[in-house]
Amino acid sequence: MLVLKNLRVKVGKMTIIKDINFNFEKGKMYAIMGPNGSGKSTLAFAIAGHPAYKLESGSMRFEGRNISELSPDKRAKLGMFLSFQTPLALSGINVFQLLRIALANKKDPLALKKKIETIAKKLGIKSQLAERSLNEGASGGEKKKLEMLQAAILDPKLLIFDEIDTGVDVDALRTIAKFMNENKDGKTYILITHYNRILHYIRPDKVLILMNGRLMKVGSAKLAEEIEKSGYEKIMSNVKS
C-alpha cells in the first residue's frame, strides 16, 4: 500500500525524519508511538505532502506509484486522508457543505446528506453539531468525531489519524474505536499516539516506535503494553547519539 524507502525529511534546515524504511500493507492497522519530538507528526505531514516538510532523500510509493513530488490534493485524490491533531474551525461552512465541495460531481447532494446523517448517528454526532460551522464551539471529542465522519464519507484507502485520542473522553474514544473496527476492511489505518489509550479498544497489527526521527522498533500490540508499563526509557537507552 505505502512503502517508505530510506526516507529523510527536513523542516527548514533541520532533518527530522532519518532513514525510515517501512511497508504499510493494505487492510492492516498500525500504531506509531514515541515521545514528544520524536517525529511522529512530521512523518504524517510528509506522507500527506505538506509543503513545509521537505523530502531530503529517499522515496514514498503509494500503490506502486511514486508520490514523493505530488501535491497534497493529488495524494488525497489517490485515496489518502490525514486527520489533524487539532482540526481547524471553518466559519460559515458546515460538514455537509465542505464534503459537497470535496465530492463535487461525484455524489448526488441528497444522497450525500442522507449518508452524512446515517454515519453521524453511528458516531453519536448531534444534528445541530453537524449543521453549524465546522468545529466552531466543538469539544475535542466532537471535533475528532467530525474528522472520522469526513473520512468515512470520502472513503480513502489510507487513513492517518494524528493523536485522535487527544482531548477525547472515554465514551467518545470507544465510539470512534468501534467505528474504526467496523470499517477497516480493505483500508490501511495509521494511528499516531503518545499513549496506549486508543489501543485499549483497537488492536493494531503492528506498533512502530519512533525516536529521534528514527524507527527504533517494530512489534505487536504487546509492544504498546510494554511502553505503557515502563515508558520509553528502555528503548531510549539504546539510541546512539
C-alpha atoms as a PDB file:
ATOM      1  CA  MET A   1       0.000   0.000   0.000  1.00  0.00           C
ATOM      2  CA  LEU A   2       2.506   2.642   1.218  1.00  0.00           C
ATOM      3  CA  VAL A   3       6.230   1.967   1.006  1.00  0.00           C
ATOM      4  CA  LEU A   4       8.773   4.299   2.611  1.00  0.00           C
ATOM      5  CA  LYS A   5      12.336   3.757   1.457  1.00  0.00           C
ATOM      6  CA  ASN A   6      15.346   5.450   3.082  1.00  0.00           C
ATOM      7  CA  LEU A   7      13.062   8.362   3.909  1.00  0.00           C
ATOM      8  CA  ARG A   8      14.664  11.548   5.189  1.00  0.00           C
ATOM      9  CA  VAL A   9      12.524  14.627   5.835  1.00  0.00           C
ATOM     10  CA  LYS A  10      13.611  18.105   6.855  1.00  0.00           C
ATOM     11  CA  VAL A  11      11.781  21.137   8.182  1.00  0.00           C
ATOM     12  CA  GLY A  12      13.714  24.286   7.370  1.00  0.00           C
ATOM     13  CA  LYS A  13      17.360  23.321   7.757  1.00  0.00           C
ATOM     14  CA  MET A  14      16.777  20.585  10.318  1.00  0.00           C
ATOM     15  CA  THR A  15      16.484  16.909   9.383  1.00  0.00           C
ATOM     16  CA  ILE A  16      13.665  15.398  11.451  1.00  0.00           C
ATOM     17  CA  ILE A  17      12.992  12.011   9.827  1.00  0.00           C
ATOM     18  CA  LYS A  18      16.110   9.903   9.346  1.00  0.00           C
ATOM     19  CA  ASP A  19      16.335   6.918   7.005  1.00  0.00           C
ATOM     20  CA  ILE A  20      12.980   5.276   7.670  1.00  0.00           C
ATOM     21  CA  ASN A  21      12.153   2.090   5.769  1.00  0.00           C
ATOM     22  CA  PHE A  22       8.730   0.525   6.152  1.00  0.00           C
ATOM     23  CA  ASN A  23       5.894  -1.060   4.172  1.00  0.00           C
ATOM     24  CA  PHE A  24       2.364  -0.273   5.368  1.00  0.00           C
ATOM     25  CA  GLU A  25       0.250  -3.109   3.987  1.00  0.00           C
ATOM     26  CA  LYS A  26      -3.314  -2.937   2.715  1.00  0.00           C
ATOM     27  CA  GLY A  27      -6.030  -3.911   5.182  1.00  0.00           C
ATOM     28  CA  LYS A  28      -3.875  -3.556   8.289  1.00  0.00           C
ATOM     29  CA  MET A  29      -3.863  -1.227  11.263  1.00  0.00           C
ATOM     30  CA  TYR A  30      -0.674   0.386  12.539  1.00  0.00           C
ATOM     31  CA  ALA A  31       0.129   2.443  15.605  1.00  0.00           C
ATOM     32  CA  ILE A  32       3.058   4.848  15.598  1.00  0.00           C
ATOM     33  CA  MET A  33       4.218   5.738  19.101  1.00  0.00           C
ATOM     34  CA  GLY A  34       7.031   7.786  20.542  1.00  0.00           C
ATOM     35  CA  PRO A  35       7.834  10.586  22.988  1.00  0.00           C
ATOM     36  CA  ASN A  36       7.340  14.275  22.227  1.00  0.00           C
ATOM     37  CA  GLY A  37       9.591  15.489  19.432  1.00  0.00           C
ATOM     38  CA  SER A  38      10.237  12.034  18.026  1.00  0.00           C
ATOM     39  CA  GLY A  39       8.990  12.961  14.537  1.00  0.00           C
ATOM     40  CA  LYS A  40       5.558  11.305  14.519  1.00  0.00           C
ATOM     41  CA  SER A  41       3.606  14.296  13.224  1.00  0.00           C
ATOM     42  CA  THR A  42       6.413  15.215  10.831  1.00  0.00           C
ATOM     43  CA  LEU A  43       6.139  11.763   9.279  1.00  0.00           C
ATOM     44  CA  ALA A  44       2.363  12.156   8.930  1.00  0.00           C
ATOM     45  CA  PHE A  45       2.659  15.568   7.270  1.00  0.00           C
ATOM     46  CA  ALA A  46       5.395  14.327   4.952  1.00  0.00           C
ATOM     47  CA  ILE A  47       3.255  11.391   3.815  1.00  0.00           C
ATOM     48  CA  ALA A  48       0.333  13.760   3.196  1.00  0.00           C
ATOM     49  CA  GLY A  49       2.567  16.125   1.197  1.00  0.00           C
ATOM     50  CA  HIS A  50       2.626  19.228   3.402  1.00  0.00           C
ATOM     51  CA  PRO A  51       4.938  21.705   1.560  1.00  0.00           C
ATOM     52  CA  ALA A  52       6.820  22.706   4.736  1.00  0.00           C
ATOM     53  CA  TYR A  53       8.018  19.114   5.209  1.00  0.00           C
ATOM     54  CA  LYS A  54      10.615  18.616   2.504  1.00  0.00           C
ATOM     55  CA  LEU A  55      11.779  15.236   1.258  1.00  0.00           C
ATOM     56  CA  GLU A  56      15.549  15.338   1.668  1.00  0.00           C
ATOM     57  CA  SER A  57      16.163  11.893   0.195  1.00  0.00           C
ATOM     58  CA  GLY A  58      14.512   8.505  -0.245  1.00  0.00           C
ATOM     59  CA  SER A  59      11.071   7.825  -1.668  1.00  0.00           C
ATOM     60  CA  MET A  60       7.405   7.216  -0.918  1.00  0.00           C
ATOM     61  CA  ARG A  61       5.333   4.891  -3.088  1.00  0.00           C
ATOM     62  CA  PHE A  62       1.571   4.542  -2.770  1.00  0.00           C
ATOM     63  CA  GLU A  63       0.076   1.505  -4.520  1.00  0.00           C
ATOM     64  CA  GLY A  64       3.239   1.297  -6.616  1.00  0.00           C
ATOM     65  CA  ARG A  65       3.220   4.960  -7.642  1.00  0.00           C
ATOM     66  CA  ASN A  66       5.951   7.372  -6.599  1.00  0.00           C
ATOM     67  CA  ILE A  67       4.154  10.168  -4.738  1.00  0.00           C
ATOM     68  CA  SER A  68       7.248  11.996  -3.497  1.00  0.00           C
ATOM     69  CA  GLU A  69       6.643  15.016  -5.733  1.00  0.00           C
ATOM     70  CA  LEU A  70       2.836  15.036  -5.694  1.00  0.00           C
ATOM     71  CA  SER A  71       0.897  17.907  -4.087  1.00  0.00           C
ATOM     72  CA  PRO A  72      -1.413  17.193  -1.112  1.00  0.00           C
ATOM     73  CA  ASP A  73      -4.594  17.417  -3.222  1.00  0.00           C
ATOM     74  CA  LYS A  74      -3.273  14.888  -5.732  1.00  0.00           C
ATOM     75  CA  ARG A  75      -2.337  12.495  -2.929  1.00  0.00           C
ATOM     76  CA  ALA A  76      -5.825  12.918  -1.486  1.00  0.00           C
ATOM     77  CA  LYS A  77      -7.356  12.070  -4.860  1.00  0.00           C
ATOM     78  CA  LEU A  78      -5.325   8.850  -4.897  1.00  0.00           C
ATOM     79  CA  GLY A  79      -7.027   7.867  -1.630  1.00  0.00           C
ATOM     80  CA  MET A  80      -5.001   9.335   1.233  1.00  0.00           C
ATOM     81  CA  PHE A  81      -6.518  11.073   4.266  1.00  0.00           C
ATOM     82  CA  LEU A  82      -4.880  12.882   7.182  1.00  0.00           C
ATOM     83  CA  SER A  83      -6.736  13.892  10.336  1.00  0.00           C
ATOM     84  CA  PHE A  84      -5.016  16.714  12.222  1.00  0.00           C
ATOM     85  CA  GLN A  85      -4.157  16.800  15.915  1.00  0.00           C
ATOM     86  CA  THR A  86      -6.201  19.990  16.243  1.00  0.00           C
ATOM     87  CA  PRO A  87      -8.825  20.182  13.480  1.00  0.00           C
ATOM     88  CA  LEU A  88      -9.365  23.701  12.157  1.00  0.00           C
ATOM     89  CA  ALA A  89     -12.653  25.552  12.523  1.00  0.00           C
ATOM     90  CA  LEU A  90     -14.303  26.824   9.328  1.00  0.00           C
ATOM     91  CA  SER A  91     -16.665  29.715   9.924  1.00  0.00           C
ATOM     92  CA  GLY A  92     -19.790  29.680   7.762  1.00  0.00           C
ATOM     93  CA  ILE A  93     -19.219  26.184   6.358  1.00  0.00           C
ATOM     94  CA  ASN A  94     -20.755  23.046   7.852  1.00  0.00           C
ATOM     95  CA  VAL A  95     -19.630  19.489   7.261  1.00  0.00           C
ATOM     96  CA  PHE A  96     -22.223  18.885   4.508  1.00  0.00           C
ATOM     97  CA  GLN A  97     -21.105  21.965   2.570  1.00  0.00           C
ATOM     98  CA  LEU A  98     -17.450  21.030   2.929  1.00  0.00           C
ATOM     99  CA  LEU A  99     -17.989  17.476   1.736  1.00  0.00           C
ATOM    100  CA  ARG A 100     -20.233  18.623  -1.103  1.00  0.00           C
ATOM    101  CA  ILE A 101     -17.359  20.763  -2.403  1.00  0.00           C
ATOM    102  CA  ALA A 102     -14.860  17.918  -1.922  1.00  0.00           C
ATOM    103  CA  LEU A 103     -17.111  15.492  -3.794  1.00  0.00           C
ATOM    104  CA  ALA A 104     -18.353  17.879  -6.468  1.00  0.00           C
ATOM    105  CA  ASN A 105     -19.920  15.997  -9.403  1.00  0.00           C
ATOM    106  CA  LYS A 106     -19.184  12.683  -7.680  1.00  0.00           C
ATOM    107  CA  LYS A 107     -22.185  12.277  -5.391  1.00  0.00           C
ATOM    108  CA  ASP A 108     -25.777  13.438  -5.523  1.00  0.00           C
ATOM    109  CA  PRO A 109     -26.286  16.126  -2.825  1.00  0.00           C
ATOM    110  CA  LEU A 110     -29.391  14.445  -1.410  1.00  0.00           C
ATOM    111  CA  ALA A 111     -27.665  11.053  -1.229  1.00  0.00           C
ATOM    112  CA  LEU A 112     -24.650  12.739   0.381  1.00  0.00           C
ATOM    113  CA  LYS A 113     -26.820  14.407   3.009  1.00  0.00           C
ATOM    114  CA  LYS A 114     -28.520  11.107   3.862  1.00  0.00           C
ATOM    115  CA  LYS A 115     -25.179   9.317   4.149  1.00  0.00           C
ATOM    116  CA  ILE A 116     -23.816  12.041   6.426  1.00  0.00           C
ATOM    117  CA  GLU A 117     -26.891  11.710   8.656  1.00  0.00           C
ATOM    118  CA  THR A 118     -26.503   7.912   8.801  1.00  0.00           C
ATOM    119  CA  ILE A 119     -22.830   7.992   9.737  1.00  0.00           C
ATOM    120  CA  ALA A 120     -23.312  10.904  12.148  1.00  0.00           C
ATOM    121  CA  LYS A 121     -25.871   8.808  14.007  1.00  0.00           C
ATOM    122  CA  LYS A 122     -23.422   5.904  14.283  1.00  0.00           C
ATOM    123  CA  LEU A 123     -20.784   8.255  15.674  1.00  0.00           C
ATOM    124  CA  GLY A 124     -23.174   9.897  18.092  1.00  0.00           C
ATOM    125  CA  ILE A 125     -22.887  13.308  16.401  1.00  0.00           C
ATOM    126  CA  LYS A 126     -25.886  15.508  17.209  1.00  0.00           C
ATOM    127  CA  SER A 127     -27.688  17.056  14.244  1.00  0.00           C
ATOM    128  CA  GLN A 128     -27.143  20.613  15.495  1.00  0.00           C
ATOM    129  CA  LEU A 129     -23.379  19.998  15.606  1.00  0.00           C
ATOM    130  CA  ALA A 130     -23.332  18.755  12.008  1.00  0.00           C
ATOM    131  CA  GLU A 131     -25.405  21.720  10.866  1.00  0.00           C
ATOM    132  CA  ARG A 132     -23.334  24.534  12.392  1.00  0.00           C
ATOM    133  CA  SER A 133     -19.961  25.898  11.238  1.00  0.00           C
ATOM    134  CA  LEU A 134     -17.420  23.086  11.193  1.00  0.00           C
ATOM    135  CA  ASN A 135     -15.694  22.606  14.565  1.00  0.00           C
ATOM    136  CA  GLU A 136     -16.811  26.005  15.935  1.00  0.00           C
ATOM    137  CA  GLY A 137     -17.533  25.607  19.641  1.00  0.00           C
ATOM    138  CA  ALA A 138     -16.999  21.849  19.407  1.00  0.00           C
ATOM    139  CA  SER A 139     -15.301  19.845  22.145  1.00  0.00           C
ATOM    140  CA  GLY A 140     -12.197  17.762  21.472  1.00  0.00           C
ATOM    141  CA  GLY A 141     -14.238  14.598  21.160  1.00  0.00           C
ATOM    142  CA  GLU A 142     -16.773  16.243  18.838  1.00  0.00           C
ATOM    143  CA  LYS A 143     -14.007  17.515  16.561  1.00  0.00           C
ATOM    144  CA  LYS A 144     -12.455  14.063  16.302  1.00  0.00           C
ATOM    145  CA  LYS A 145     -15.855  12.509  15.564  1.00  0.00           C
ATOM    146  CA  LEU A 146     -16.378  15.045  12.785  1.00  0.00           C
ATOM    147  CA  GLU A 147     -12.953  14.112  11.374  1.00  0.00           C
ATOM    148  CA  MET A 148     -13.986  10.468  11.389  1.00  0.00           C
ATOM    149  CA  LEU A 149     -17.256  11.406   9.676  1.00  0.00           C
ATOM    150  CA  GLN A 150     -15.370  13.183   6.895  1.00  0.00           C
ATOM    151  CA  ALA A 151     -13.045  10.210   6.456  1.00  0.00           C
ATOM    152  CA  ALA A 152     -15.977   7.819   6.235  1.00  0.00           C
ATOM    153  CA  ILE A 153     -17.689   9.900   3.538  1.00  0.00           C
ATOM    154  CA  LEU A 154     -14.526  10.458   1.485  1.00  0.00           C
ATOM    155  CA  ASP A 155     -13.777   6.729   1.754  1.00  0.00           C
ATOM    156  CA  PRO A 156      -9.963   6.845   1.351  1.00  0.00           C
ATOM    157  CA  LYS A 157      -7.703   3.807   1.132  1.00  0.00           C
ATOM    158  CA  LEU A 158      -5.112   5.094   3.613  1.00  0.00           C
ATOM    159  CA  LEU A 159      -6.221   6.907   6.776  1.00  0.00           C
ATOM    160  CA  ILE A 160      -3.749   8.669   9.063  1.00  0.00           C
ATOM    161  CA  PHE A 161      -5.080   9.868  12.411  1.00  0.00           C
ATOM    162  CA  ASP A 162      -2.665  12.105  14.289  1.00  0.00           C
ATOM    163  CA  GLU A 163      -3.487  11.804  18.009  1.00  0.00           C
ATOM    164  CA  ILE A 164      -7.170  11.067  17.547  1.00  0.00           C
ATOM    165  CA  ASP A 165      -7.346  10.264  21.268  1.00  0.00           C
ATOM    166  CA  THR A 166      -6.139  13.711  22.432  1.00  0.00           C
ATOM    167  CA  GLY A 167      -8.843  15.680  24.235  1.00  0.00           C
ATOM    168  CA  VAL A 168     -11.336  12.837  23.817  1.00  0.00           C
ATOM    169  CA  ASP A 169     -13.321  11.388  26.711  1.00  0.00           C
ATOM    170  CA  VAL A 170     -13.688   7.643  27.250  1.00  0.00           C
ATOM    171  CA  ASP A 171     -17.162   7.377  25.725  1.00  0.00           C
ATOM    172  CA  ALA A 172     -16.173   9.272  22.576  1.00  0.00           C
ATOM    173  CA  LEU A 173     -12.995   7.212  22.294  1.00  0.00           C
ATOM    174  CA  ARG A 174     -14.967   3.971  22.472  1.00  0.00           C
ATOM    175  CA  THR A 175     -17.374   5.220  19.799  1.00  0.00           C
ATOM    176  CA  ILE A 176     -14.547   6.241  17.463  1.00  0.00           C
ATOM    177  CA  ALA A 177     -12.669   2.966  18.020  1.00  0.00           C
ATOM    178  CA  LYS A 178     -15.831   0.918  17.439  1.00  0.00           C
ATOM    179  CA  PHE A 179     -16.442   2.727  14.162  1.00  0.00           C
ATOM    180  CA  MET A 180     -12.851   2.098  13.059  1.00  0.00           C
ATOM    181  CA  ASN A 181     -13.079  -1.589  13.889  1.00  0.00           C
ATOM    182  CA  GLU A 182     -16.323  -1.909  11.930  1.00  0.00           C
ATOM    183  CA  ASN A 183     -14.952  -0.059   8.889  1.00  0.00           C
ATOM    184  CA  LYS A 184     -11.424  -1.337   8.401  1.00  0.00           C
ATOM    185  CA  ASP A 185     -11.874  -3.930   5.635  1.00  0.00           C
ATOM    186  CA  GLY A 186      -9.628  -3.104   2.702  1.00  0.00           C
ATOM    187  CA  LYS A 187      -8.292   0.038   4.360  1.00  0.00           C
ATOM    188  CA  THR A 188      -4.971   0.862   5.960  1.00  0.00           C
ATOM    189  CA  TYR A 189      -5.061   2.802   9.223  1.00  0.00           C
ATOM    190  CA  ILE A 190      -2.095   4.616  10.758  1.00  0.00           C
ATOM    191  CA  LEU A 191      -2.779   5.829  14.293  1.00  0.00           C
ATOM    192  CA  ILE A 192      -0.239   8.238  15.764  1.00  0.00           C
ATOM    193  CA  THR A 193      -0.353   8.469  19.537  1.00  0.00           C
ATOM    194  CA  HIS A 194       1.692   9.198  22.655  1.00  0.00           C
ATOM    195  CA  TYR A 195      -0.257   6.801  24.809  1.00  0.00           C
ATOM    196  CA  ASN A 196      -1.912   3.388  24.816  1.00  0.00           C
ATOM    197  CA  ARG A 197      -5.458   4.767  25.375  1.00  0.00           C
ATOM    198  CA  ILE A 198      -6.856   4.204  21.893  1.00  0.00           C
ATOM    199  CA  LEU A 199      -5.110   0.834  21.747  1.00  0.00           C
ATOM    200  CA  HIS A 200      -7.250  -0.427  24.628  1.00  0.00           C
ATOM    201  CA  TYR A 201     -10.089  -0.524  22.094  1.00  0.00           C
ATOM    202  CA  ILE A 202      -8.221  -1.141  18.831  1.00  0.00           C
ATOM    203  CA  ARG A 203      -5.652  -3.887  18.429  1.00  0.00           C
ATOM    204  CA  PRO A 204      -3.078  -2.857  15.827  1.00  0.00           C
ATOM    205  CA  ASP A 205      -1.348  -5.370  13.605  1.00  0.00           C
ATOM    206  CA  LYS A 206       1.959  -3.594  14.193  1.00  0.00           C
ATOM    207  CA  VAL A 207       3.287  -0.996  16.612  1.00  0.00           C
ATOM    208  CA  LEU A 208       6.137   1.236  15.410  1.00  0.00           C
ATOM    209  CA  ILE A 209       8.305   3.097  17.907  1.00  0.00           C
ATOM    210  CA  LEU A 210       9.767   6.327  16.563  1.00  0.00           C
ATOM    211  CA  MET A 211      12.544   8.127  18.422  1.00  0.00           C
ATOM    212  CA  ASN A 212      14.788  10.988  17.387  1.00  0.00           C
ATOM    213  CA  GLY A 213      13.341  10.680  13.895  1.00  0.00           C
ATOM    214  CA  ARG A 214      14.339   7.036  13.547  1.00  0.00           C
ATOM    215  CA  LEU A 215      12.278   3.867  13.504  1.00  0.00           C
ATOM    216  CA  MET A 216      13.701   2.117  16.555  1.00  0.00           C
ATOM    217  CA  LYS A 217      11.455  -0.900  16.991  1.00  0.00           C
ATOM    218  CA  VAL A 218       8.522  -2.701  15.395  1.00  0.00           C
ATOM    219  CA  GLY A 219       6.384  -5.178  17.299  1.00  0.00           C
ATOM    220  CA  SER A 220       2.918  -6.487  18.011  1.00  0.00           C
ATOM    221  CA  ALA A 221       0.245  -4.849  20.149  1.00  0.00           C
ATOM    222  CA  LYS A 222       2.139  -6.172  23.178  1.00  0.00           C
ATOM    223  CA  LEU A 223       4.865  -3.622  22.478  1.00  0.00           C
ATOM    224  CA  ALA A 224       2.395  -0.822  23.239  1.00  0.00           C
ATOM    225  CA  GLU A 225       1.559  -2.513  26.527  1.00  0.00           C
ATOM    226  CA  GLU A 226       5.264  -2.675  27.399  1.00  0.00           C
ATOM    227  CA  ILE A 227       5.631   1.034  26.643  1.00  0.00           C
ATOM    228  CA  GLU A 228       2.676   1.832  28.877  1.00  0.00           C
ATOM    229  CA  LYS A 229       4.244  -0.082  31.760  1.00  0.00           C
ATOM    230  CA  SER A 230       7.876   1.017  31.506  1.00  0.00           C
ATOM    231  CA  GLY A 231       7.859   4.119  29.294  1.00  0.00           C
ATOM    232  CA  TYR A 232      10.313   4.854  26.503  1.00  0.00           C
ATOM    233  CA  GLU A 233      13.467   4.996  28.623  1.00  0.00           C
ATOM    234  CA  LYS A 234      14.434   1.383  27.980  1.00  0.00           C
ATOM    235  CA  ILE A 235      14.334   1.932  24.231  1.00  0.00           C
ATOM    236  CA  MET A 236      15.905   5.374  24.506  1.00  0.00           C
ATOM    237  CA  SER A 237      18.917   3.873  26.242  1.00  0.00           C
ATOM    238  CA  ASN A 238      19.704   2.010  23.014  1.00  0.00           C
ATOM    239  CA  VAL A 239      19.618   5.124  20.859  1.00  0.00           C
ATOM    240  CA  LYS A 240      23.074   6.199  19.772  1.00  0.00           C
ATOM    241  CA  SER A 241      23.777   9.895  19.892  1.00  0.00           C
END
